[in-house]
Amino acid sequence: MNKNFFRLLTLSCITFLSLALYSCKGVSDSDIQKNVSEKLAGMPGVMVDVKNGVVTLSGVCSDEASKANCETQAKSVKGVKSVINNCTVTPPPTATAPVTISPDDALTTNVKDAIKDFTGVNATVADGVVTLTGTLKRDRLKNLMQSLNTLKPKKINNQLTLQ
C-alpha cells in the first residue's frame, strides 16, 4: 500500500506541476507589445510599452476618435490585462482668415479727411474712383480738386453743384 500511495503521490505531483507550468505559460510582454504594435501600425505617432500585461500607450493622435480606437485595438490583443492611454490629441489648427484691407478703405479714409473742411461736399469711393456730390462755392473747387488729386485716385467723378 505504501508503494501505491507513493505512486499516487508522484502522479499527483507530476500532474500538478504540469498544470502549473501550462497555466503559467501566458503570453509574454514582448509578444503583447509586438501584437499591439502591429494592430496600431496605421497610427505612426503612437508608442507601445508593456509590463506584466499592462499596455501603456503614448504619443500623439490626430483626434479623440483615433485615441479611443488605439485603446480599443490594444484591449483586443490576447494577454492584455489593461490599457493605460497616455496619448495626447493634436489641437486642430486655428482658422485665422487673413485680414484684407481694401485699397478703397485707405482711399476712403484719406478722402474723408480731405473733404472735412469743405462743408456741403460728400464723397464715395468705389474701385479707386472718387465720386463727389453736394454743393460747393466755385472759388473753392480748385483747392478741393488739388487736395483729392494728391491721393492719386483712378478718377474723380465730379457731380458737385457749384454756387
N, C-alpha and C. Protein backbone atom coordinates (compact mmCIF):
# COMPACT_ATOMS: atom_id res chain seq x y z
N MET A 1 0.81 -1.18 0.00
CA MET A 1 0.00 0.00 0.00
C MET A 1 0.87 1.26 0.00
N ASN A 2 1.98 1.22 0.69
CA ASN A 2 2.89 2.33 0.66
C ASN A 2 3.40 2.59 -0.74
N LYS A 3 3.61 1.52 -1.47
CA LYS A 3 4.07 1.64 -2.82
C LYS A 3 3.01 2.33 -3.69
N ASN A 4 1.76 1.94 -3.56
CA ASN A 4 0.67 2.55 -4.32
C ASN A 4 0.47 4.02 -3.90
N PHE A 5 0.59 4.26 -2.63
CA PHE A 5 0.43 5.63 -2.14
C PHE A 5 1.54 6.52 -2.72
N PHE A 6 2.76 6.00 -2.73
CA PHE A 6 3.88 6.75 -3.28
C PHE A 6 3.69 7.00 -4.77
N ARG A 7 3.20 6.02 -5.51
CA ARG A 7 2.93 6.18 -6.94
C ARG A 7 1.85 7.24 -7.17
N LEU A 8 0.79 7.13 -6.35
CA LEU A 8 -0.31 8.09 -6.48
C LEU A 8 0.18 9.50 -6.15
N LEU A 9 1.00 9.62 -5.13
CA LEU A 9 1.54 10.92 -4.75
C LEU A 9 2.45 11.45 -5.85
N THR A 10 3.27 10.63 -6.43
CA THR A 10 4.16 11.04 -7.51
C THR A 10 3.36 11.45 -8.73
N LEU A 11 2.36 10.68 -9.08
CA LEU A 11 1.50 11.01 -10.22
C LEU A 11 0.76 12.33 -9.98
N SER A 12 0.29 12.55 -8.79
CA SER A 12 -0.40 13.80 -8.44
C SER A 12 0.54 14.99 -8.55
N CYS A 13 1.77 14.84 -8.06
CA CYS A 13 2.76 15.92 -8.14
C CYS A 13 3.09 16.24 -9.59
N ILE A 14 3.27 15.23 -10.40
CA ILE A 14 3.57 15.45 -11.82
C ILE A 14 2.41 16.17 -12.50
N THR A 15 1.20 15.74 -12.22
CA THR A 15 0.02 16.38 -12.80
C THR A 15 -0.07 17.82 -12.35
N PHE A 16 0.12 18.07 -11.07
CA PHE A 16 0.05 19.42 -10.54
C PHE A 16 1.12 20.31 -11.17
N LEU A 17 2.34 19.83 -11.25
CA LEU A 17 3.42 20.62 -11.82
C LEU A 17 3.18 20.90 -13.30
N SER A 18 2.71 19.91 -14.04
CA SER A 18 2.47 20.15 -15.46
C SER A 18 1.33 21.14 -15.66
N LEU A 19 0.28 21.07 -14.84
CA LEU A 19 -0.81 22.06 -14.93
C LEU A 19 -0.30 23.44 -14.53
N ALA A 20 0.50 23.50 -13.49
CA ALA A 20 1.03 24.78 -13.04
C ALA A 20 1.92 25.40 -14.11
N LEU A 21 2.77 24.61 -14.72
CA LEU A 21 3.64 25.13 -15.78
C LEU A 21 2.84 25.56 -17.00
N TYR A 22 1.82 24.79 -17.34
CA TYR A 22 1.00 25.13 -18.51
C TYR A 22 0.23 26.42 -18.27
N SER A 23 -0.34 26.58 -17.06
CA SER A 23 -1.13 27.77 -16.80
C SER A 23 -0.25 29.01 -16.66
N CYS A 24 1.00 28.84 -16.24
CA CYS A 24 1.91 29.97 -16.14
C CYS A 24 2.37 30.44 -17.51
N LYS A 25 2.27 29.56 -18.48
CA LYS A 25 2.73 29.90 -19.81
C LYS A 25 1.69 30.78 -20.48
N GLY A 26 1.70 32.07 -20.11
CA GLY A 26 0.80 33.04 -20.73
C GLY A 26 1.52 33.68 -21.90
N VAL A 27 0.92 34.76 -22.39
CA VAL A 27 1.52 35.50 -23.48
C VAL A 27 2.58 36.42 -22.88
N SER A 28 3.75 36.43 -23.44
CA SER A 28 4.84 37.25 -22.90
C SER A 28 4.59 38.72 -23.24
N ASP A 29 5.19 39.60 -22.42
CA ASP A 29 5.07 41.04 -22.65
C ASP A 29 5.60 41.43 -24.03
N SER A 30 6.67 40.77 -24.45
CA SER A 30 7.24 41.11 -25.78
C SER A 30 6.27 40.71 -26.90
N ASP A 31 5.57 39.56 -26.71
CA ASP A 31 4.57 39.15 -27.71
C ASP A 31 3.41 40.13 -27.73
N ILE A 32 2.98 40.54 -26.54
CA ILE A 32 1.88 41.51 -26.46
C ILE A 32 2.29 42.81 -27.14
N GLN A 33 3.49 43.28 -26.85
CA GLN A 33 3.96 44.53 -27.45
C GLN A 33 4.01 44.41 -28.97
N LYS A 34 4.51 43.30 -29.45
CA LYS A 34 4.59 43.08 -30.90
C LYS A 34 3.20 43.10 -31.52
N ASN A 35 2.25 42.37 -30.90
CA ASN A 35 0.89 42.28 -31.46
C ASN A 35 0.15 43.61 -31.40
N VAL A 36 0.30 44.35 -30.30
CA VAL A 36 -0.35 45.65 -30.20
C VAL A 36 0.26 46.61 -31.21
N SER A 37 1.58 46.59 -31.33
CA SER A 37 2.25 47.46 -32.30
C SER A 37 1.80 47.18 -33.73
N GLU A 38 1.60 45.90 -34.04
CA GLU A 38 1.11 45.54 -35.38
C GLU A 38 -0.30 46.07 -35.59
N LYS A 39 -1.15 45.97 -34.56
CA LYS A 39 -2.52 46.48 -34.70
C LYS A 39 -2.54 47.99 -34.87
N LEU A 40 -1.56 48.67 -34.28
CA LEU A 40 -1.53 50.13 -34.33
C LEU A 40 -0.56 50.65 -35.39
N ALA A 41 -0.23 49.82 -36.35
CA ALA A 41 0.73 50.21 -37.40
C ALA A 41 0.25 51.43 -38.19
N GLY A 42 -1.06 51.63 -38.28
CA GLY A 42 -1.60 52.77 -39.01
C GLY A 42 -1.57 54.06 -38.21
N MET A 43 -1.10 54.00 -36.99
CA MET A 43 -1.02 55.18 -36.12
C MET A 43 0.46 55.45 -35.83
N PRO A 44 1.18 56.12 -36.73
CA PRO A 44 2.62 56.26 -36.60
C PRO A 44 3.08 57.05 -35.37
N GLY A 45 2.24 57.87 -34.80
CA GLY A 45 2.66 58.68 -33.66
C GLY A 45 2.46 58.01 -32.32
N VAL A 46 1.98 56.75 -32.30
CA VAL A 46 1.66 56.07 -31.05
C VAL A 46 2.73 55.04 -30.72
N MET A 47 3.21 55.08 -29.46
CA MET A 47 4.22 54.13 -28.99
C MET A 47 3.59 53.20 -27.95
N VAL A 48 4.08 51.97 -27.89
CA VAL A 48 3.52 50.93 -27.04
C VAL A 48 4.58 50.44 -26.07
N ASP A 49 4.20 50.33 -24.79
CA ASP A 49 5.07 49.75 -23.79
C ASP A 49 4.22 48.75 -22.99
N VAL A 50 4.80 47.60 -22.63
CA VAL A 50 4.05 46.56 -21.92
C VAL A 50 4.84 46.11 -20.71
N LYS A 51 4.16 46.02 -19.58
CA LYS A 51 4.79 45.49 -18.37
C LYS A 51 3.75 44.68 -17.62
N ASN A 52 4.03 43.40 -17.43
CA ASN A 52 3.12 42.48 -16.74
C ASN A 52 1.72 42.47 -17.36
N GLY A 53 1.65 42.56 -18.66
CA GLY A 53 0.38 42.51 -19.37
C GLY A 53 -0.37 43.82 -19.43
N VAL A 54 0.17 44.86 -18.80
CA VAL A 54 -0.45 46.18 -18.82
C VAL A 54 0.19 46.99 -19.95
N VAL A 55 -0.64 47.41 -20.89
CA VAL A 55 -0.17 48.15 -22.06
C VAL A 55 -0.29 49.65 -21.77
N THR A 56 0.79 50.37 -22.01
CA THR A 56 0.78 51.83 -21.88
C THR A 56 0.99 52.42 -23.27
N LEU A 57 0.02 53.22 -23.68
CA LEU A 57 0.10 53.89 -24.98
C LEU A 57 0.54 55.33 -24.75
N SER A 58 1.43 55.82 -25.59
CA SER A 58 1.85 57.22 -25.51
C SER A 58 2.08 57.74 -26.92
N GLY A 59 2.15 59.04 -27.02
CA GLY A 59 2.36 59.65 -28.33
C GLY A 59 1.25 60.61 -28.66
N VAL A 60 1.07 60.86 -29.95
CA VAL A 60 0.12 61.87 -30.41
C VAL A 60 -0.86 61.25 -31.39
N CYS A 61 -2.15 61.53 -31.17
CA CYS A 61 -3.21 61.11 -32.09
C CYS A 61 -3.81 62.35 -32.74
N SER A 62 -4.37 62.17 -33.92
CA SER A 62 -4.91 63.32 -34.65
C SER A 62 -6.23 63.82 -34.07
N ASP A 63 -7.00 62.93 -33.44
CA ASP A 63 -8.28 63.35 -32.84
C ASP A 63 -8.69 62.36 -31.75
N GLU A 64 -9.78 62.68 -31.05
CA GLU A 64 -10.25 61.84 -29.94
C GLU A 64 -10.68 60.45 -30.42
N ALA A 65 -11.26 60.38 -31.61
CA ALA A 65 -11.70 59.09 -32.14
C ALA A 65 -10.50 58.17 -32.37
N SER A 66 -9.41 58.72 -32.88
CA SER A 66 -8.20 57.91 -33.10
C SER A 66 -7.62 57.43 -31.78
N LYS A 67 -7.65 58.29 -30.78
CA LYS A 67 -7.14 57.93 -29.46
C LYS A 67 -7.95 56.77 -28.88
N ALA A 68 -9.28 56.88 -28.97
CA ALA A 68 -10.16 55.81 -28.46
C ALA A 68 -9.95 54.52 -29.25
N ASN A 69 -9.76 54.64 -30.57
CA ASN A 69 -9.54 53.47 -31.41
C ASN A 69 -8.25 52.75 -31.02
N CYS A 70 -7.20 53.50 -30.70
CA CYS A 70 -5.94 52.88 -30.27
C CYS A 70 -6.16 52.04 -29.02
N GLU A 71 -6.89 52.57 -28.09
CA GLU A 71 -7.16 51.86 -26.84
C GLU A 71 -7.97 50.59 -27.10
N THR A 72 -9.00 50.70 -27.93
CA THR A 72 -9.83 49.55 -28.27
C THR A 72 -9.01 48.46 -28.95
N GLN A 73 -8.16 48.85 -29.89
CA GLN A 73 -7.31 47.89 -30.60
C GLN A 73 -6.35 47.19 -29.64
N ALA A 74 -5.79 47.95 -28.71
CA ALA A 74 -4.84 47.37 -27.75
C ALA A 74 -5.54 46.38 -26.83
N LYS A 75 -6.75 46.71 -26.39
CA LYS A 75 -7.51 45.83 -25.49
C LYS A 75 -7.88 44.51 -26.16
N SER A 76 -7.97 44.52 -27.48
CA SER A 76 -8.39 43.31 -28.19
C SER A 76 -7.29 42.27 -28.35
N VAL A 77 -6.06 42.63 -27.99
CA VAL A 77 -4.93 41.71 -28.13
C VAL A 77 -4.92 40.72 -26.97
N LYS A 78 -4.71 39.45 -27.30
CA LYS A 78 -4.68 38.38 -26.30
C LYS A 78 -3.55 38.62 -25.30
N GLY A 79 -3.86 38.50 -24.02
CA GLY A 79 -2.87 38.65 -22.97
C GLY A 79 -2.86 40.02 -22.33
N VAL A 80 -3.56 40.99 -22.93
CA VAL A 80 -3.59 42.34 -22.37
C VAL A 80 -4.53 42.35 -21.16
N LYS A 81 -3.98 42.77 -20.01
CA LYS A 81 -4.78 42.85 -18.79
C LYS A 81 -5.52 44.18 -18.70
N SER A 82 -4.82 45.26 -19.04
CA SER A 82 -5.44 46.59 -19.05
C SER A 82 -4.63 47.51 -19.95
N VAL A 83 -5.22 48.66 -20.25
CA VAL A 83 -4.56 49.63 -21.13
C VAL A 83 -4.57 50.99 -20.45
N ILE A 84 -3.41 51.62 -20.40
CA ILE A 84 -3.29 53.00 -19.93
C ILE A 84 -3.03 53.85 -21.16
N ASN A 85 -3.98 54.72 -21.47
CA ASN A 85 -3.88 55.52 -22.69
C ASN A 85 -3.39 56.92 -22.35
N ASN A 86 -2.09 57.16 -22.52
CA ASN A 86 -1.49 58.47 -22.26
C ASN A 86 -1.31 59.29 -23.54
N CYS A 87 -1.98 58.90 -24.61
CA CYS A 87 -1.85 59.63 -25.87
C CYS A 87 -2.46 61.02 -25.73
N THR A 88 -1.88 61.95 -26.42
CA THR A 88 -2.44 63.30 -26.46
C THR A 88 -3.04 63.53 -27.84
N VAL A 89 -3.96 64.48 -27.90
CA VAL A 89 -4.63 64.80 -29.17
C VAL A 89 -4.09 66.13 -29.67
N THR A 90 -3.69 66.13 -30.92
CA THR A 90 -3.20 67.35 -31.54
C THR A 90 -4.35 68.34 -31.66
N PRO A 91 -4.18 69.55 -31.14
CA PRO A 91 -5.27 70.52 -31.27
C PRO A 91 -5.48 70.89 -32.74
N PRO A 92 -6.73 71.08 -33.13
CA PRO A 92 -6.96 71.45 -34.53
C PRO A 92 -6.36 72.81 -34.83
N PRO A 93 -5.91 73.00 -36.06
CA PRO A 93 -5.33 74.30 -36.40
C PRO A 93 -6.39 75.39 -36.34
N THR A 94 -5.99 76.53 -35.85
CA THR A 94 -6.93 77.64 -35.77
C THR A 94 -7.06 78.27 -37.14
N ALA A 95 -8.27 78.47 -37.53
CA ALA A 95 -8.54 79.05 -38.84
C ALA A 95 -8.58 80.57 -38.69
N THR A 96 -7.50 81.17 -39.04
CA THR A 96 -7.47 82.63 -38.99
C THR A 96 -7.42 83.14 -40.42
N ALA A 97 -8.48 83.82 -40.78
CA ALA A 97 -8.54 84.38 -42.12
C ALA A 97 -7.66 85.63 -42.16
N PRO A 98 -6.89 85.76 -43.19
CA PRO A 98 -6.05 86.96 -43.28
C PRO A 98 -6.91 88.20 -43.39
N VAL A 99 -6.51 89.22 -42.69
CA VAL A 99 -7.24 90.48 -42.75
C VAL A 99 -6.82 91.19 -44.02
N THR A 100 -7.79 91.43 -44.87
CA THR A 100 -7.50 92.09 -46.13
C THR A 100 -8.05 93.51 -46.07
N ILE A 101 -7.17 94.43 -46.26
CA ILE A 101 -7.60 95.82 -46.29
C ILE A 101 -7.71 96.23 -47.75
N SER A 102 -8.90 96.61 -48.10
CA SER A 102 -9.14 97.04 -49.47
C SER A 102 -8.43 98.36 -49.72
N PRO A 103 -7.88 98.54 -50.91
CA PRO A 103 -7.28 99.83 -51.23
C PRO A 103 -8.29 100.96 -51.11
N ASP A 104 -9.58 100.63 -51.33
CA ASP A 104 -10.63 101.63 -51.21
C ASP A 104 -10.79 102.10 -49.76
N ASP A 105 -10.50 101.21 -48.79
CA ASP A 105 -10.63 101.60 -47.38
C ASP A 105 -9.67 102.73 -47.05
N ALA A 106 -8.42 102.58 -47.48
CA ALA A 106 -7.42 103.62 -47.21
C ALA A 106 -7.77 104.90 -47.97
N LEU A 107 -8.19 104.76 -49.21
CA LEU A 107 -8.56 105.93 -50.02
C LEU A 107 -9.77 106.64 -49.42
N THR A 108 -10.75 105.87 -48.95
CA THR A 108 -11.95 106.46 -48.34
C THR A 108 -11.57 107.27 -47.12
N THR A 109 -10.70 106.73 -46.29
CA THR A 109 -10.26 107.44 -45.09
C THR A 109 -9.57 108.75 -45.46
N ASN A 110 -8.70 108.69 -46.45
CA ASN A 110 -7.98 109.90 -46.87
C ASN A 110 -8.90 110.92 -47.53
N VAL A 111 -9.88 110.44 -48.30
CA VAL A 111 -10.82 111.35 -48.96
C VAL A 111 -11.67 112.06 -47.91
N LYS A 112 -12.14 111.32 -46.91
CA LYS A 112 -12.94 111.94 -45.84
C LYS A 112 -12.14 113.02 -45.13
N ASP A 113 -10.86 112.74 -44.92
CA ASP A 113 -10.00 113.72 -44.28
C ASP A 113 -9.84 114.96 -45.17
N ALA A 114 -9.73 114.72 -46.48
CA ALA A 114 -9.51 115.83 -47.42
C ALA A 114 -10.74 116.72 -47.56
N ILE A 115 -11.94 116.16 -47.44
CA ILE A 115 -13.15 116.97 -47.65
C ILE A 115 -13.74 117.54 -46.35
N LYS A 116 -13.11 117.26 -45.22
CA LYS A 116 -13.69 117.69 -43.94
C LYS A 116 -13.81 119.22 -43.84
N ASP A 117 -12.95 119.96 -44.51
CA ASP A 117 -13.01 121.42 -44.46
C ASP A 117 -13.96 122.01 -45.51
N PHE A 118 -14.55 121.14 -46.34
CA PHE A 118 -15.45 121.61 -47.40
C PHE A 118 -16.87 121.19 -47.05
N THR A 119 -17.56 122.04 -46.28
CA THR A 119 -18.93 121.70 -45.85
C THR A 119 -19.85 121.65 -47.06
N GLY A 120 -20.77 120.69 -47.02
CA GLY A 120 -21.72 120.50 -48.11
C GLY A 120 -21.22 119.53 -49.17
N VAL A 121 -19.98 119.06 -49.06
CA VAL A 121 -19.42 118.13 -50.04
C VAL A 121 -19.41 116.72 -49.43
N ASN A 122 -19.93 115.77 -50.21
CA ASN A 122 -19.91 114.35 -49.82
C ASN A 122 -19.10 113.59 -50.86
N ALA A 123 -18.47 112.49 -50.40
CA ALA A 123 -17.65 111.70 -51.33
C ALA A 123 -17.84 110.23 -51.05
N THR A 124 -17.84 109.43 -52.14
CA THR A 124 -17.85 107.97 -52.03
C THR A 124 -16.70 107.44 -52.87
N VAL A 125 -16.21 106.28 -52.47
CA VAL A 125 -15.10 105.66 -53.20
C VAL A 125 -15.51 104.25 -53.59
N ALA A 126 -15.34 103.91 -54.86
CA ALA A 126 -15.61 102.56 -55.36
C ALA A 126 -14.59 102.24 -56.43
N ASP A 127 -13.83 101.17 -56.21
CA ASP A 127 -12.81 100.72 -57.16
C ASP A 127 -11.82 101.82 -57.52
N GLY A 128 -11.46 102.62 -56.53
CA GLY A 128 -10.46 103.66 -56.75
C GLY A 128 -11.00 104.93 -57.38
N VAL A 129 -12.30 104.98 -57.63
CA VAL A 129 -12.92 106.16 -58.24
C VAL A 129 -13.64 106.94 -57.15
N VAL A 130 -13.31 108.24 -57.05
CA VAL A 130 -13.93 109.12 -56.06
C VAL A 130 -15.08 109.86 -56.74
N THR A 131 -16.27 109.77 -56.16
CA THR A 131 -17.43 110.48 -56.68
C THR A 131 -17.82 111.55 -55.68
N LEU A 132 -17.84 112.82 -56.16
CA LEU A 132 -18.18 113.96 -55.32
C LEU A 132 -19.61 114.38 -55.58
N THR A 133 -20.37 114.61 -54.51
CA THR A 133 -21.74 115.10 -54.62
C THR A 133 -21.91 116.20 -53.58
N GLY A 134 -22.97 116.98 -53.75
CA GLY A 134 -23.26 118.06 -52.81
C GLY A 134 -23.06 119.41 -53.47
N THR A 135 -22.87 120.44 -52.65
CA THR A 135 -22.71 121.81 -53.17
C THR A 135 -21.39 122.38 -52.67
N LEU A 136 -20.83 123.29 -53.50
CA LEU A 136 -19.56 123.92 -53.15
C LEU A 136 -19.49 125.27 -53.85
N LYS A 137 -18.87 126.22 -53.18
CA LYS A 137 -18.64 127.52 -53.82
C LYS A 137 -17.58 127.33 -54.91
N ARG A 138 -17.83 127.98 -56.04
CA ARG A 138 -16.98 127.81 -57.21
C ARG A 138 -15.51 128.12 -56.91
N ASP A 139 -15.21 129.14 -56.13
CA ASP A 139 -13.83 129.53 -55.87
C ASP A 139 -13.07 128.51 -54.99
N ARG A 140 -13.76 127.56 -54.37
CA ARG A 140 -13.12 126.54 -53.53
C ARG A 140 -12.88 125.23 -54.28
N LEU A 141 -13.45 125.11 -55.48
CA LEU A 141 -13.33 123.88 -56.25
C LEU A 141 -11.87 123.54 -56.55
N LYS A 142 -11.07 124.50 -56.93
CA LYS A 142 -9.66 124.25 -57.28
C LYS A 142 -8.91 123.63 -56.10
N ASN A 143 -9.11 124.19 -54.90
CA ASN A 143 -8.43 123.67 -53.70
C ASN A 143 -8.86 122.23 -53.39
N LEU A 144 -10.15 121.94 -53.53
CA LEU A 144 -10.66 120.59 -53.27
C LEU A 144 -10.06 119.60 -54.27
N MET A 145 -10.05 119.97 -55.54
CA MET A 145 -9.54 119.06 -56.57
C MET A 145 -8.04 118.80 -56.38
N GLN A 146 -7.27 119.83 -56.02
CA GLN A 146 -5.83 119.63 -55.77
C GLN A 146 -5.63 118.69 -54.59
N SER A 147 -6.42 118.88 -53.55
CA SER A 147 -6.31 118.04 -52.36
C SER A 147 -6.61 116.57 -52.69
N LEU A 148 -7.65 116.34 -53.50
CA LEU A 148 -8.03 114.98 -53.86
C LEU A 148 -7.04 114.35 -54.85
N ASN A 149 -6.49 115.12 -55.76
CA ASN A 149 -5.53 114.60 -56.73
C ASN A 149 -4.24 114.10 -56.07
N THR A 150 -3.88 114.68 -54.93
CA THR A 150 -2.67 114.22 -54.24
C THR A 150 -2.85 112.80 -53.69
N LEU A 151 -4.10 112.35 -53.56
CA LEU A 151 -4.38 111.00 -53.07
C LEU A 151 -4.25 109.95 -54.17
N LYS A 152 -4.13 110.39 -55.41
CA LYS A 152 -3.94 109.55 -56.59
C LYS A 152 -5.05 108.51 -56.79
N PRO A 153 -6.30 108.97 -56.85
CA PRO A 153 -7.38 108.02 -57.19
C PRO A 153 -7.31 107.72 -58.68
N LYS A 154 -8.00 106.65 -59.08
CA LYS A 154 -8.04 106.32 -60.52
C LYS A 154 -8.73 107.44 -61.29
N LYS A 155 -9.77 107.97 -60.67
CA LYS A 155 -10.56 109.00 -61.34
C LYS A 155 -11.33 109.77 -60.28
N ILE A 156 -11.63 111.04 -60.58
CA ILE A 156 -12.51 111.83 -59.72
C ILE A 156 -13.75 112.17 -60.55
N ASN A 157 -14.88 111.68 -60.10
CA ASN A 157 -16.15 111.92 -60.78
C ASN A 157 -16.83 113.09 -60.07
N ASN A 158 -16.77 114.24 -60.65
CA ASN A 158 -17.29 115.47 -60.03
C ASN A 158 -18.76 115.67 -60.39
N GLN A 159 -19.63 115.50 -59.42
CA GLN A 159 -21.07 115.75 -59.60
C GLN A 159 -21.53 116.85 -58.65
N LEU A 160 -20.61 117.74 -58.32
CA LEU A 160 -20.92 118.84 -57.40
C LEU A 160 -21.78 119.90 -58.09
N THR A 161 -22.61 120.51 -57.29
CA THR A 161 -23.35 121.67 -57.75
C THR A 161 -22.59 122.90 -57.24
N LEU A 162 -22.14 123.74 -58.19
CA LEU A 162 -21.33 124.89 -57.82
C LEU A 162 -22.22 126.11 -57.62
N GLN A 163 -21.83 126.92 -56.65
CA GLN A 163 -22.59 128.14 -56.34
C GLN A 163 -21.78 129.37 -56.72
